[in-house]
Amino acid sequence: MTQSRQSQISLSDTPYYHCISRCVRRAYLCGEDKYTGQSFEHRRQWVVERMHYLASVFSMNICAYAIMSNHYHLVLHIDEQENQQLTNEQVCQQWGSLYSLPVLIERWQHQQTTCEEENVAALAIIKKWRDRLADISWFMRCLNEFIARNANKEDVCSGRFWEGRFKSQALLDEDALLTCMAYVDLNPVRAKMTSGVETSEYTSAYERIHGVAFKNENSAGYYFKKKRLLDFVGDDQQMSIQGIPFSLLDYIELVDWSGRILREDKRGIIAGQHPELLDSLGLDRESWLSLVSDFGKDYQGAVGSLEELALFAEHTGKRWIASKNELRRKMH
């Protein structure tokens, strides 16, 4: 049975979620269509620019992404603090950059409402928009609908473009977050599309290393301020600093080392010291390589320790979370 998205999101347990959308058609989302010879490589840039634009509108940060031939991965961080700090005017402005505002809201903005009931109704609408700006489903809807409309227009066709609802996976602790991000960044390497993370364009690792060719302009032609990928903050535990609790250099070293082994399929041959971050995670080489190879295949719904999974199940109304014992055995 299909589960409601609310039953898969629990901000009291984690603000981090891994999302996947897959194209339904025979023709690729990106890459070259082997049947027609037509290249759709430019669509990768559509996805990257649109997700960055939406991150500037929504109360969300991008932790990791990879744009593949017929699907994409996205790791999002929901920023509740930013969302609550938005004024009502800012909520209207940001929602209005995506959708037209109703007359009532325009009147409220210009202080032209005629009674208290209208003010109450306007504030209720704004509250709903505020909630949506911290809602992964609305973020993914605004991303996927935009890509589908543009792809259908380019293909001169209509109908479903995506396989169905996007899949989401709650990342309940720091180890799960780091492993998922590495799995996402290593997608092109595992698919043998590239020789390593430093050449894996249209991934977050590539953007963190090289930056990204990007105009702060959306399809409507107006400019916006691009939000940075969520920063790595290392061991800094200050409450005022929000970010990924690892060192960026350690992370890049880890994914680069993993990518070289996975690309050459020489797990038992490549010797030498493994990255220090593996020691912090308490993982041996084989366990780590198994995780970053199969993370998206073996684990659905939520990832974390059994204790964290039990709390997540309680908070989302589930009786249990399946297929997590193997991850717990490797990571704990």
C-alpha atoms as a PDB file:
ATOM      1  CA  MET A   1       0.000   0.000   0.000  1.00  0.00           C
ATOM      2  CA  THR A   2       1.274   3.470  -0.862  1.00  0.00           C
ATOM      3  CA  GLN A   3       2.176   5.432   2.241  1.00  0.00           C
ATOM      4  CA  SER A   4       1.369   9.079   2.728  1.00  0.00           C
ATOM      5  CA  ARG A   5       4.355  11.400   2.595  1.00  0.00           C
ATOM      6  CA  GLN A   6       3.553  12.620   6.119  1.00  0.00           C
ATOM      7  CA  SER A   7       4.190   9.105   7.413  1.00  0.00           C
ATOM      8  CA  GLN A   8       7.726   9.222   5.980  1.00  0.00           C
ATOM      9  CA  ILE A   9       8.764  12.631   7.375  1.00  0.00           C
ATOM     10  CA  SER A  10       9.487  13.336  11.047  1.00  0.00           C
ATOM     11  CA  LEU A  11      11.391  16.542  11.730  1.00  0.00           C
ATOM     12  CA  SER A  12      11.630  15.652  15.411  1.00  0.00           C
ATOM     13  CA  ASP A  13      13.854  12.749  14.353  1.00  0.00           C
ATOM     14  CA  THR A  14      15.855  14.249  11.468  1.00  0.00           C
ATOM     15  CA  PRO A  15      15.896  17.183   9.027  1.00  0.00           C
ATOM     16  CA  TYR A  16      17.821  15.116   6.417  1.00  0.00           C
ATOM     17  CA  TYR A  17      16.104  13.196   3.595  1.00  0.00           C
ATOM     18  CA  HIS A  18      17.321  11.345   0.508  1.00  0.00           C
ATOM     19  CA  CYS A  19      14.968  11.767  -2.478  1.00  0.00           C
ATOM     20  CA  ILE A  20      14.963   9.891  -5.795  1.00  0.00           C
ATOM     21  CA  SER A  21      12.917  10.510  -8.962  1.00  0.00           C
ATOM     22  CA  ARG A  22      13.041   8.267 -12.003  1.00  0.00           C
ATOM     23  CA  CYS A  23      11.932   8.911 -15.576  1.00  0.00           C
ATOM     24  CA  VAL A  24       9.182   6.652 -16.900  1.00  0.00           C
ATOM     25  CA  ARG A  25       9.955   6.867 -20.608  1.00  0.00           C
ATOM     26  CA  ARG A  26      12.220   4.801 -22.784  1.00  0.00           C
ATOM     27  CA  ALA A  27      13.983   8.030 -23.780  1.00  0.00           C
ATOM     28  CA  TYR A  28      16.463   9.211 -21.192  1.00  0.00           C
ATOM     29  CA  LEU A  29      15.950  12.153 -18.886  1.00  0.00           C
ATOM     30  CA  CYS A  30      19.505  13.100 -19.869  1.00  0.00           C
ATOM     31  CA  GLY A  31      22.264  11.630 -21.985  1.00  0.00           C
ATOM     32  CA  GLU A  32      21.882  10.331 -25.537  1.00  0.00           C
ATOM     33  CA  ASP A  33      18.829   8.383 -26.688  1.00  0.00           C
ATOM     34  CA  LYS A  34      20.226   5.255 -28.350  1.00  0.00           C
ATOM     35  CA  TYR A  35      17.063   4.880 -30.439  1.00  0.00           C
ATOM     36  CA  THR A  36      17.013   8.340 -31.996  1.00  0.00           C
ATOM     37  CA  GLY A  37      20.584   9.503 -31.484  1.00  0.00           C
ATOM     38  CA  GLN A  38      19.271  12.728 -29.955  1.00  0.00           C
ATOM     39  CA  SER A  39      21.237  14.168 -27.051  1.00  0.00           C
ATOM     40  CA  PHE A  40      19.481  15.371 -23.924  1.00  0.00           C
ATOM     41  CA  GLU A  41      22.632  16.275 -22.017  1.00  0.00           C
ATOM     42  CA  HIS A  42      21.455  19.874 -21.606  1.00  0.00           C
ATOM     43  CA  ARG A  43      18.649  18.684 -19.339  1.00  0.00           C
ATOM     44  CA  ARG A  44      21.149  17.966 -16.575  1.00  0.00           C
ATOM     45  CA  GLN A  45      21.695  21.698 -16.325  1.00  0.00           C
ATOM     46  CA  TRP A  46      17.923  22.227 -16.158  1.00  0.00           C
ATOM     47  CA  VAL A  47      17.739  20.038 -13.059  1.00  0.00           C
ATOM     48  CA  VAL A  48      20.766  21.586 -11.339  1.00  0.00           C
ATOM     49  CA  GLU A  49      19.631  25.161 -11.928  1.00  0.00           C
ATOM     50  CA  ARG A  50      16.040  24.437 -10.949  1.00  0.00           C
ATOM     51  CA  MET A  51      17.005  22.703  -7.691  1.00  0.00           C
ATOM     52  CA  HIS A  52      19.300  25.601  -6.794  1.00  0.00           C
ATOM     53  CA  TYR A  53      16.549  28.076  -7.573  1.00  0.00           C
ATOM     54  CA  LEU A  54      14.062  26.183  -5.408  1.00  0.00           C
ATOM     55  CA  ALA A  55      16.591  25.992  -2.558  1.00  0.00           C
ATOM     56  CA  SER A  56      16.690  29.800  -2.656  1.00  0.00           C
ATOM     57  CA  VAL A  57      12.880  29.904  -2.324  1.00  0.00           C
ATOM     58  CA  PHE A  58      12.194  27.061   0.115  1.00  0.00           C
ATOM     59  CA  SER A  59      13.515  26.721   3.655  1.00  0.00           C
ATOM     60  CA  MET A  60      15.803  23.923   2.537  1.00  0.00           C
ATOM     61  CA  ASN A  61      19.455  23.256   1.856  1.00  0.00           C
ATOM     62  CA  ILE A  62      21.000  20.904  -0.689  1.00  0.00           C
ATOM     63  CA  CYS A  63      23.508  18.490   0.852  1.00  0.00           C
ATOM     64  CA  ALA A  64      24.194  16.247  -2.142  1.00  0.00           C
ATOM     65  CA  TYR A  65      22.886  15.508  -5.623  1.00  0.00           C
ATOM     66  CA  ALA A  66      23.649  13.461  -8.734  1.00  0.00           C
ATOM     67  CA  ILE A  67      21.886  13.848 -12.091  1.00  0.00           C
ATOM     68  CA  MET A  68      21.921  10.512 -13.916  1.00  0.00           C
ATOM     69  CA  SER A  69      20.620   9.435 -17.329  1.00  0.00           C
ATOM     70  CA  ASN A  70      17.106   8.413 -16.299  1.00  0.00           C
ATOM     71  CA  HIS A  71      16.886   9.505 -12.648  1.00  0.00           C
ATOM     72  CA  TYR A  72      18.368  11.835 -10.080  1.00  0.00           C
ATOM     73  CA  HIS A  73      19.300  11.736  -6.392  1.00  0.00           C
ATOM     74  CA  LEU A  74      18.940  14.628  -3.989  1.00  0.00           C
ATOM     75  CA  VAL A  75      19.781  14.856  -0.271  1.00  0.00           C
ATOM     76  CA  LEU A  76      17.876  17.707   1.363  1.00  0.00           C
ATOM     77  CA  HIS A  77      18.096  19.416   4.732  1.00  0.00           C
ATOM     78  CA  ILE A  78      14.910  21.055   6.022  1.00  0.00           C
ATOM     79  CA  ASP A  79      15.791  24.307   7.797  1.00  0.00           C
ATOM     80  CA  GLU A  80      13.074  24.801  10.412  1.00  0.00           C
ATOM     81  CA  GLN A  81      14.909  27.721  12.001  1.00  0.00           C
ATOM     82  CA  GLU A  82      15.053  29.653   8.738  1.00  0.00           C
ATOM     83  CA  ASN A  83      11.394  28.876   8.086  1.00  0.00           C
ATOM     84  CA  GLN A  84      10.238  30.231  11.442  1.00  0.00           C
ATOM     85  CA  GLN A  85      12.317  33.385  11.046  1.00  0.00           C
ATOM     86  CA  LEU A  86      10.588  34.342   7.788  1.00  0.00           C
ATOM     87  CA  THR A  87       8.221  37.264   8.152  1.00  0.00           C
ATOM     88  CA  ASN A  88       4.721  36.939   6.710  1.00  0.00           C
ATOM     89  CA  GLU A  89       5.749  39.357   3.957  1.00  0.00           C
ATOM     90  CA  GLN A  90       8.746  37.205   3.084  1.00  0.00           C
ATOM     91  CA  VAL A  91       6.554  34.119   2.938  1.00  0.00           C
ATOM     92  CA  CYS A  92       4.266  35.896   0.465  1.00  0.00           C
ATOM     93  CA  GLN A  93       7.207  37.092  -1.594  1.00  0.00           C
ATOM     94  CA  GLN A  94       8.812  33.663  -1.807  1.00  0.00           C
ATOM     95  CA  TRP A  95       5.598  31.794  -2.515  1.00  0.00           C
ATOM     96  CA  GLY A  96       4.691  34.471  -5.061  1.00  0.00           C
ATOM     97  CA  SER A  97       7.910  33.727  -6.963  1.00  0.00           C
ATOM     98  CA  LEU A  98       6.422  30.298  -7.730  1.00  0.00           C
ATOM     99  CA  TYR A  99       2.670  30.896  -7.933  1.00  0.00           C
ATOM    100  CA  SER A 100       0.385  33.858  -8.448  1.00  0.00           C
ATOM    101  CA  LEU A 101      -1.051  35.324  -5.257  1.00  0.00           C
ATOM    102  CA  PRO A 102      -4.819  35.515  -4.657  1.00  0.00           C
ATOM    103  CA  VAL A 103      -6.523  38.891  -4.523  1.00  0.00           C
ATOM    104  CA  LEU A 104      -7.090  38.601  -0.774  1.00  0.00           C
ATOM    105  CA  ILE A 105      -3.339  38.350  -0.133  1.00  0.00           C
ATOM    106  CA  GLU A 106      -2.611  41.292  -2.407  1.00  0.00           C
ATOM    107  CA  ARG A 107      -5.146  43.332  -0.472  1.00  0.00           C
ATOM    108  CA  TRP A 108      -3.606  42.206   2.831  1.00  0.00           C
ATOM    109  CA  GLN A 109      -0.143  43.223   1.582  1.00  0.00           C
ATOM    110  CA  HIS A 110      -1.435  46.717   0.758  1.00  0.00           C
ATOM    111  CA  GLN A 111      -3.413  46.944   4.026  1.00  0.00           C
ATOM    112  CA  GLN A 112      -6.666  47.104   2.085  1.00  0.00           C
ATOM    113  CA  THR A 113      -8.591  44.368   3.885  1.00  0.00           C
ATOM    114  CA  THR A 114     -11.997  45.545   5.109  1.00  0.00           C
ATOM    115  CA  CYS A 115     -12.592  43.428   8.243  1.00  0.00           C
ATOM    116  CA  GLU A 116     -10.909  41.232  10.812  1.00  0.00           C
ATOM    117  CA  GLU A 117     -12.293  38.084   9.185  1.00  0.00           C
ATOM    118  CA  GLU A 118     -10.363  38.893   6.008  1.00  0.00           C
ATOM    119  CA  ASN A 119      -7.168  39.397   8.012  1.00  0.00           C
ATOM    120  CA  VAL A 120      -7.658  36.061   9.763  1.00  0.00           C
ATOM    121  CA  ALA A 121      -8.286  34.317   6.423  1.00  0.00           C
ATOM    122  CA  ALA A 122      -5.193  35.921   4.882  1.00  0.00           C
ATOM    123  CA  LEU A 123      -2.978  34.882   7.788  1.00  0.00           C
ATOM    124  CA  ALA A 124      -4.310  31.321   7.582  1.00  0.00           C
ATOM    125  CA  ILE A 125      -3.299  31.181   3.905  1.00  0.00           C
ATOM    126  CA  ILE A 126       0.144  32.552   4.699  1.00  0.00           C
ATOM    127  CA  LYS A 127       0.556  29.956   7.457  1.00  0.00           C
ATOM    128  CA  LYS A 128      -0.230  27.236   4.919  1.00  0.00           C
ATOM    129  CA  TRP A 129       2.397  28.648   2.532  1.00  0.00           C
ATOM    130  CA  ARG A 130       4.970  28.813   5.342  1.00  0.00           C
ATOM    131  CA  ASP A 131       4.412  25.110   6.035  1.00  0.00           C
ATOM    132  CA  ARG A 132       4.776  24.317   2.343  1.00  0.00           C
ATOM    133  CA  LEU A 133       8.113  26.148   2.172  1.00  0.00           C
ATOM    134  CA  ALA A 134       9.441  23.527   4.611  1.00  0.00           C
ATOM    135  CA  ASP A 135       7.709  20.609   2.884  1.00  0.00           C
ATOM    136  CA  ILE A 136       9.806  18.201   0.798  1.00  0.00           C
ATOM    137  CA  SER A 137       6.763  17.137  -1.220  1.00  0.00           C
ATOM    138  CA  TRP A 138       6.202  20.709  -2.417  1.00  0.00           C
ATOM    139  CA  PHE A 139       9.890  21.153  -3.203  1.00  0.00           C
ATOM    140  CA  MET A 140       9.931  17.978  -5.297  1.00  0.00           C
ATOM    141  CA  ARG A 141       6.631  18.875  -6.934  1.00  0.00           C
ATOM    142  CA  CYS A 142       7.998  22.254  -8.055  1.00  0.00           C
ATOM    143  CA  LEU A 143      11.145  20.573  -9.353  1.00  0.00           C
ATOM    144  CA  ASN A 144       9.557  17.634 -11.167  1.00  0.00           C
ATOM    145  CA  GLU A 145       6.675  19.542 -12.720  1.00  0.00           C
ATOM    146  CA  PHE A 146       9.076  22.112 -14.156  1.00  0.00           C
ATOM    147  CA  ILE A 147      11.311  19.434 -15.706  1.00  0.00           C
ATOM    148  CA  ALA A 148       8.333  17.445 -17.034  1.00  0.00           C
ATOM    149  CA  ARG A 149       6.737  20.483 -18.698  1.00  0.00           C
ATOM    150  CA  ASN A 150       9.974  21.498 -20.385  1.00  0.00           C
ATOM    151  CA  ALA A 151      10.812  17.948 -21.486  1.00  0.00           C
ATOM    152  CA  ASN A 152       7.304  17.389 -22.890  1.00  0.00           C
ATOM    153  CA  LYS A 153       7.526  20.664 -24.770  1.00  0.00           C
ATOM    154  CA  GLU A 154      10.910  19.722 -26.207  1.00  0.00           C
ATOM    155  CA  ASP A 155       9.723  16.205 -27.101  1.00  0.00           C
ATOM    156  CA  VAL A 156       6.456  17.576 -28.583  1.00  0.00           C
ATOM    157  CA  CYS A 157       4.370  15.174 -26.533  1.00  0.00           C
ATOM    158  CA  SER A 158       2.241  15.007 -23.410  1.00  0.00           C
ATOM    159  CA  GLY A 159       1.607  12.590 -20.587  1.00  0.00           C
ATOM    160  CA  ARG A 160       3.477  11.248 -17.595  1.00  0.00           C
ATOM    161  CA  PHE A 161       7.208  11.976 -17.539  1.00  0.00           C
ATOM    162  CA  TRP A 162       8.149  10.614 -14.095  1.00  0.00           C
ATOM    163  CA  GLU A 163       7.699   7.028 -12.966  1.00  0.00           C
ATOM    164  CA  GLY A 164       5.480   8.059 -10.064  1.00  0.00           C
ATOM    165  CA  ARG A 165       5.872   9.776  -6.723  1.00  0.00           C
ATOM    166  CA  PHE A 166       9.440  10.399  -5.705  1.00  0.00           C
ATOM    167  CA  LYS A 167      10.939   8.056  -3.126  1.00  0.00           C
ATOM    168  CA  SER A 168      12.192   9.471   0.155  1.00  0.00           C
ATOM    169  CA  GLN A 169      14.479   8.045   2.795  1.00  0.00           C
ATOM    170  CA  ALA A 170      14.966   9.524   6.275  1.00  0.00           C
ATOM    171  CA  LEU A 171      18.617   9.762   7.359  1.00  0.00           C
ATOM    172  CA  LEU A 172      18.430   9.472  11.127  1.00  0.00           C
ATOM    173  CA  ASP A 173      22.027  10.048  12.196  1.00  0.00           C
ATOM    174  CA  GLU A 174      25.345  11.505  11.031  1.00  0.00           C
ATOM    175  CA  ASP A 175      26.681   8.159   9.805  1.00  0.00           C
ATOM    176  CA  ALA A 176      23.601   7.577   7.651  1.00  0.00           C
ATOM    177  CA  LEU A 177      23.857  11.120   6.248  1.00  0.00           C
ATOM    178  CA  LEU A 178      27.530  10.761   5.324  1.00  0.00           C
ATOM    179  CA  THR A 179      27.053   7.315   3.795  1.00  0.00           C
ATOM    180  CA  CYS A 180      24.069   8.441   1.742  1.00  0.00           C
ATOM    181  CA  MET A 181      25.882  11.556   0.483  1.00  0.00           C
ATOM    182  CA  ALA A 182      28.861   9.439  -0.600  1.00  0.00           C
ATOM    183  CA  TYR A 183      26.517   6.948  -2.289  1.00  0.00           C
ATOM    184  CA  VAL A 184      24.871   9.803  -4.194  1.00  0.00           C
ATOM    185  CA  ASP A 185      28.142  11.455  -5.251  1.00  0.00           C
ATOM    186  CA  LEU A 186      29.552   8.104  -6.400  1.00  0.00           C
ATOM    187  CA  ASN A 187      26.620   7.286  -8.695  1.00  0.00           C
ATOM    188  CA  PRO A 188      28.383   8.278 -11.950  1.00  0.00           C
ATOM    189  CA  VAL A 189      31.513   6.348 -10.921  1.00  0.00           C
ATOM    190  CA  ARG A 190      29.567   3.172 -10.137  1.00  0.00           C
ATOM    191  CA  ALA A 191      27.779   3.532 -13.490  1.00  0.00           C
ATOM    192  CA  LYS A 192      31.214   3.869 -15.168  1.00  0.00           C
ATOM    193  CA  MET A 193      30.204   7.202 -16.657  1.00  0.00           C
ATOM    194  CA  THR A 194      33.357   8.853 -15.335  1.00  0.00           C
ATOM    195  CA  SER A 195      36.738   7.916 -13.928  1.00  0.00           C
ATOM    196  CA  GLY A 196      36.408   9.665 -10.568  1.00  0.00           C
ATOM    197  CA  VAL A 197      34.587  12.230  -8.474  1.00  0.00           C
ATOM    198  CA  GLU A 198      36.768  15.079  -9.729  1.00  0.00           C
ATOM    199  CA  THR A 199      35.359  14.536 -13.249  1.00  0.00           C
ATOM    200  CA  SER A 200      31.795  13.644 -12.207  1.00  0.00           C
ATOM    201  CA  GLU A 201      29.915  16.647 -13.525  1.00  0.00           C
ATOM    202  CA  TYR A 202      26.382  17.314 -12.278  1.00  0.00           C
ATOM    203  CA  THR A 203      27.121  15.992  -8.807  1.00  0.00           C
ATOM    204  CA  SER A 204      27.482  17.880  -5.550  1.00  0.00           C
ATOM    205  CA  ALA A 205      31.063  16.595  -5.113  1.00  0.00           C
ATOM    206  CA  TYR A 206      32.027  18.134  -8.458  1.00  0.00           C
ATOM    207  CA  GLU A 207      30.356  21.405  -7.489  1.00  0.00           C
ATOM    208  CA  ARG A 208      32.172  21.476  -4.152  1.00  0.00           C
ATOM    209  CA  ILE A 209      35.528  20.884  -5.884  1.00  0.00           C
ATOM    210  CA  HIS A 210      35.161  23.032  -9.018  1.00  0.00           C
ATOM    211  CA  GLY A 211      32.112  25.207  -8.517  1.00  0.00           C
ATOM    212  CA  VAL A 212      29.435  25.079 -11.204  1.00  0.00           C
ATOM    213  CA  ALA A 213      28.762  27.056 -14.362  1.00  0.00           C
ATOM    214  CA  PHE A 214      25.512  28.645 -13.356  1.00  0.00           C
ATOM    215  CA  LYS A 215      23.563  31.798 -14.066  1.00  0.00           C
ATOM    216  CA  ASN A 216      21.467  33.154 -11.214  1.00  0.00           C
ATOM    217  CA  GLU A 217      18.497  33.317 -13.523  1.00  0.00           C
ATOM    218  CA  ASN A 218      15.472  31.090 -13.865  1.00  0.00           C
ATOM    219  CA  SER A 219      13.420  30.287 -16.953  1.00  0.00           C
ATOM    220  CA  ALA A 220      11.261  33.370 -16.432  1.00  0.00           C
ATOM    221  CA  GLY A 221      14.335  35.564 -16.844  1.00  0.00           C
ATOM    222  CA  TYR A 222      14.583  37.175 -13.408  1.00  0.00           C
ATOM    223  CA  TYR A 223      17.575  36.826 -11.105  1.00  0.00           C
ATOM    224  CA  PHE A 224      17.851  35.282  -7.653  1.00  0.00           C
ATOM    225  CA  LYS A 225      20.549  34.773  -5.049  1.00  0.00           C
ATOM    226  CA  LYS A 226      21.982  31.264  -5.305  1.00  0.00           C
ATOM    227  CA  LYS A 227      22.142  29.452  -1.965  1.00  0.00           C
ATOM    228  CA  ARG A 228      25.341  27.554  -1.243  1.00  0.00           C
ATOM    229  CA  LEU A 229      25.312  23.819  -0.785  1.00  0.00           C
ATOM    230  CA  LEU A 230      25.022  23.044   2.914  1.00  0.00           C
ATOM    231  CA  ASP A 231      28.482  23.582   4.379  1.00  0.00           C
ATOM    232  CA  PHE A 232      30.679  21.015   6.056  1.00  0.00           C
ATOM    233  CA  VAL A 233      31.420  22.387   9.532  1.00  0.00           C
ATOM    234  CA  GLY A 234      33.920  19.801  10.772  1.00  0.00           C
ATOM    235  CA  ASP A 235      34.000  19.283  14.521  1.00  0.00           C
ATOM    236  CA  ASP A 236      32.616  22.720  15.338  1.00  0.00           C
ATOM    237  CA  GLN A 237      29.780  22.061  17.744  1.00  0.00           C
ATOM    238  CA  GLN A 238      28.697  25.666  18.247  1.00  0.00           C
ATOM    239  CA  MET A 239      24.929  25.857  18.342  1.00  0.00           C
ATOM    240  CA  SER A 240      24.948  28.853  16.001  1.00  0.00           C
ATOM    241  CA  ILE A 241      26.665  26.902  13.220  1.00  0.00           C
ATOM    242  CA  GLN A 242      24.482  24.640  11.126  1.00  0.00           C
ATOM    243  CA  GLY A 243      25.983  22.207   8.664  1.00  0.00           C
ATOM    244  CA  ILE A 244      27.304  18.746   7.931  1.00  0.00           C
ATOM    245  CA  PRO A 245      29.349  17.629  10.967  1.00  0.00           C
ATOM    246  CA  PHE A 246      32.424  16.466   9.070  1.00  0.00           C
ATOM    247  CA  SER A 247      35.404  18.056   7.324  1.00  0.00           C
ATOM    248  CA  LEU A 248      34.963  18.746   3.595  1.00  0.00           C
ATOM    249  CA  LEU A 249      38.550  17.679   2.885  1.00  0.00           C
ATOM    250  CA  ASP A 250      38.004  14.403   4.749  1.00  0.00           C
ATOM    251  CA  TYR A 251      34.786  13.809   2.826  1.00  0.00           C
ATOM    252  CA  ILE A 252      36.363  14.490  -0.591  1.00  0.00           C
ATOM    253  CA  GLU A 253      39.274  12.213   0.314  1.00  0.00           C
ATOM    254  CA  LEU A 254      36.836   9.460   1.275  1.00  0.00           C
ATOM    255  CA  VAL A 255      34.692   9.623  -1.872  1.00  0.00           C
ATOM    256  CA  ASP A 256      37.760   9.959  -4.114  1.00  0.00           C
ATOM    257  CA  TRP A 257      39.367   6.902  -2.518  1.00  0.00           C
ATOM    258  CA  SER A 258      36.093   4.965  -2.738  1.00  0.00           C
ATOM    259  CA  GLY A 259      35.542   6.012  -6.355  1.00  0.00           C
ATOM    260  CA  ARG A 260      38.957   4.790  -7.500  1.00  0.00           C
ATOM    261  CA  ILE A 261      38.341   1.376  -5.988  1.00  0.00           C
ATOM    262  CA  LEU A 262      34.773   1.057  -7.281  1.00  0.00           C
ATOM    263  CA  ARG A 263      35.721   2.281 -10.757  1.00  0.00           C
ATOM    264  CA  GLU A 264      38.556  -0.209 -11.150  1.00  0.00           C
ATOM    265  CA  ASP A 265      36.672  -2.959  -9.317  1.00  0.00           C
ATOM    266  CA  LYS A 266      39.820  -3.791  -7.355  1.00  0.00           C
ATOM    267  CA  ARG A 267      38.624  -3.938  -3.778  1.00  0.00           C
ATOM    268  CA  GLY A 268      41.133  -6.602  -2.837  1.00  0.00           C
ATOM    269  CA  ILE A 269      44.027  -5.244  -4.878  1.00  0.00           C
ATOM    270  CA  ILE A 270      44.370  -1.553  -4.045  1.00  0.00           C
ATOM    271  CA  ALA A 271      46.417  -1.307  -0.876  1.00  0.00           C
ATOM    272  CA  GLY A 272      47.565   1.591   1.214  1.00  0.00           C
ATOM    273  CA  GLN A 273      46.049   3.494   4.079  1.00  0.00           C
ATOM    274  CA  HIS A 274      42.331   4.063   4.027  1.00  0.00           C
ATOM    275  CA  PRO A 275      40.862   7.529   4.765  1.00  0.00           C
ATOM    276  CA  GLU A 276      40.829   8.627   8.391  1.00  0.00           C
ATOM    277  CA  LEU A 277      37.089   9.267   8.218  1.00  0.00           C
ATOM    278  CA  LEU A 278      36.504   5.515   8.083  1.00  0.00           C
ATOM    279  CA  ASP A 279      38.094   5.216  11.521  1.00  0.00           C
ATOM    280  CA  SER A 280      35.710   7.885  12.822  1.00  0.00           C
ATOM    281  CA  LEU A 281      32.792   5.869  11.452  1.00  0.00           C
ATOM    282  CA  GLY A 282      34.159   2.643  12.905  1.00  0.00           C
ATOM    283  CA  LEU A 283      33.983   0.863   9.550  1.00  0.00           C
ATOM    284  CA  ASP A 284      36.412  -1.416   7.759  1.00  0.00           C
ATOM    285  CA  ARG A 285      37.050  -1.041   4.046  1.00  0.00           C
ATOM    286  CA  GLU A 286      34.759  -3.833   2.839  1.00  0.00           C
ATOM    287  CA  SER A 287      31.822  -2.738   4.976  1.00  0.00           C
ATOM    288  CA  TRP A 288      32.140   0.837   3.738  1.00  0.00           C
ATOM    289  CA  LEU A 289      32.423  -0.148   0.055  1.00  0.00           C
ATOM    290  CA  SER A 290      29.418  -2.418   0.416  1.00  0.00           C
ATOM    291  CA  LEU A 291      27.385   0.418   1.945  1.00  0.00           C
ATOM    292  CA  VAL A 292      28.223   3.013  -0.717  1.00  0.00           C
ATOM    293  CA  SER A 293      27.556   0.464  -3.458  1.00  0.00           C
ATOM    294  CA  ASP A 294      24.186  -0.797  -2.243  1.00  0.00           C
ATOM    295  CA  PHE A 295      22.828   1.938   0.020  1.00  0.00           C
ATOM    296  CA  GLY A 296      19.969   2.927  -2.287  1.00  0.00           C
ATOM    297  CA  LYS A 297      19.111  -0.656  -3.180  1.00  0.00           C
ATOM    298  CA  ASP A 298      18.899  -2.308   0.210  1.00  0.00           C
ATOM    299  CA  TYR A 299      17.444   0.325   2.516  1.00  0.00           C
ATOM    300  CA  GLN A 300      14.090   2.052   2.182  1.00  0.00           C
ATOM    301  CA  GLY A 301      12.075   4.428   4.330  1.00  0.00           C
ATOM    302  CA  ALA A 302      14.652   5.319   6.976  1.00  0.00           C
ATOM    303  CA  VAL A 303      18.265   4.558   7.887  1.00  0.00           C
ATOM    304  CA  GLY A 304      19.835   4.613  11.343  1.00  0.00           C
ATOM    305  CA  SER A 305      20.402   2.605  14.500  1.00  0.00           C
ATOM    306  CA  LEU A 306      17.637   0.352  15.778  1.00  0.00           C
ATOM    307  CA  GLU A 307      16.958   2.800  18.593  1.00  0.00           C
ATOM    308  CA  GLU A 308      16.562   5.689  16.165  1.00  0.00           C
ATOM    309  CA  LEU A 309      14.447   3.570  13.833  1.00  0.00           C
ATOM    310  CA  ALA A 310      12.148   2.621  16.706  1.00  0.00           C
ATOM    311  CA  LEU A 311      11.592   6.289  17.576  1.00  0.00           C
ATOM    312  CA  PHE A 312      11.041   7.180  13.923  1.00  0.00           C
ATOM    313  CA  ALA A 313       8.496   4.375  13.595  1.00  0.00           C
ATOM    314  CA  GLU A 314       6.684   5.603  16.707  1.00  0.00           C
ATOM    315  CA  HIS A 315       6.603   9.216  15.516  1.00  0.00           C
ATOM    316  CA  THR A 316       5.399   8.312  12.001  1.00  0.00           C
ATOM    317  CA  GLY A 317       2.789   5.785  13.081  1.00  0.00           C
ATOM    318  CA  LYS A 318       4.614   2.711  11.807  1.00  0.00           C
ATOM    319  CA  ARG A 319       4.841  -0.579  13.666  1.00  0.00           C
ATOM    320  CA  TRP A 320       8.314  -1.364  12.301  1.00  0.00           C
ATOM    321  CA  ILE A 321      10.909  -0.364   9.742  1.00  0.00           C
ATOM    322  CA  ALA A 322      12.092  -3.144   7.442  1.00  0.00           C
ATOM    323  CA  SER A 323      15.522  -4.056   6.055  1.00  0.00           C
ATOM    324  CA  LYS A 324      17.661  -2.182   8.561  1.00  0.00           C
ATOM    325  CA  ASN A 325      19.475  -4.899  10.483  1.00  0.00           C
ATOM    326  CA  GLU A 326      22.238  -5.172   7.889  1.00  0.00           C
ATOM    327  CA  LEU A 327      22.988  -1.458   7.964  1.00  0.00           C
ATOM    328  CA  ARG A 328      23.001  -1.475  11.767  1.00  0.00           C
ATOM    329  CA  ARG A 329      25.398  -4.425  11.793  1.00  0.00           C
ATOM    330  CA  LYS A 330      27.836  -2.634   9.483  1.00  0.00           C
ATOM    331  CA  MET A 331      27.614   0.852  10.972  1.00  0.00           C
ATOM    332  CA  HIS A 332      27.296   0.123  14.679  1.00  0.00           C
END
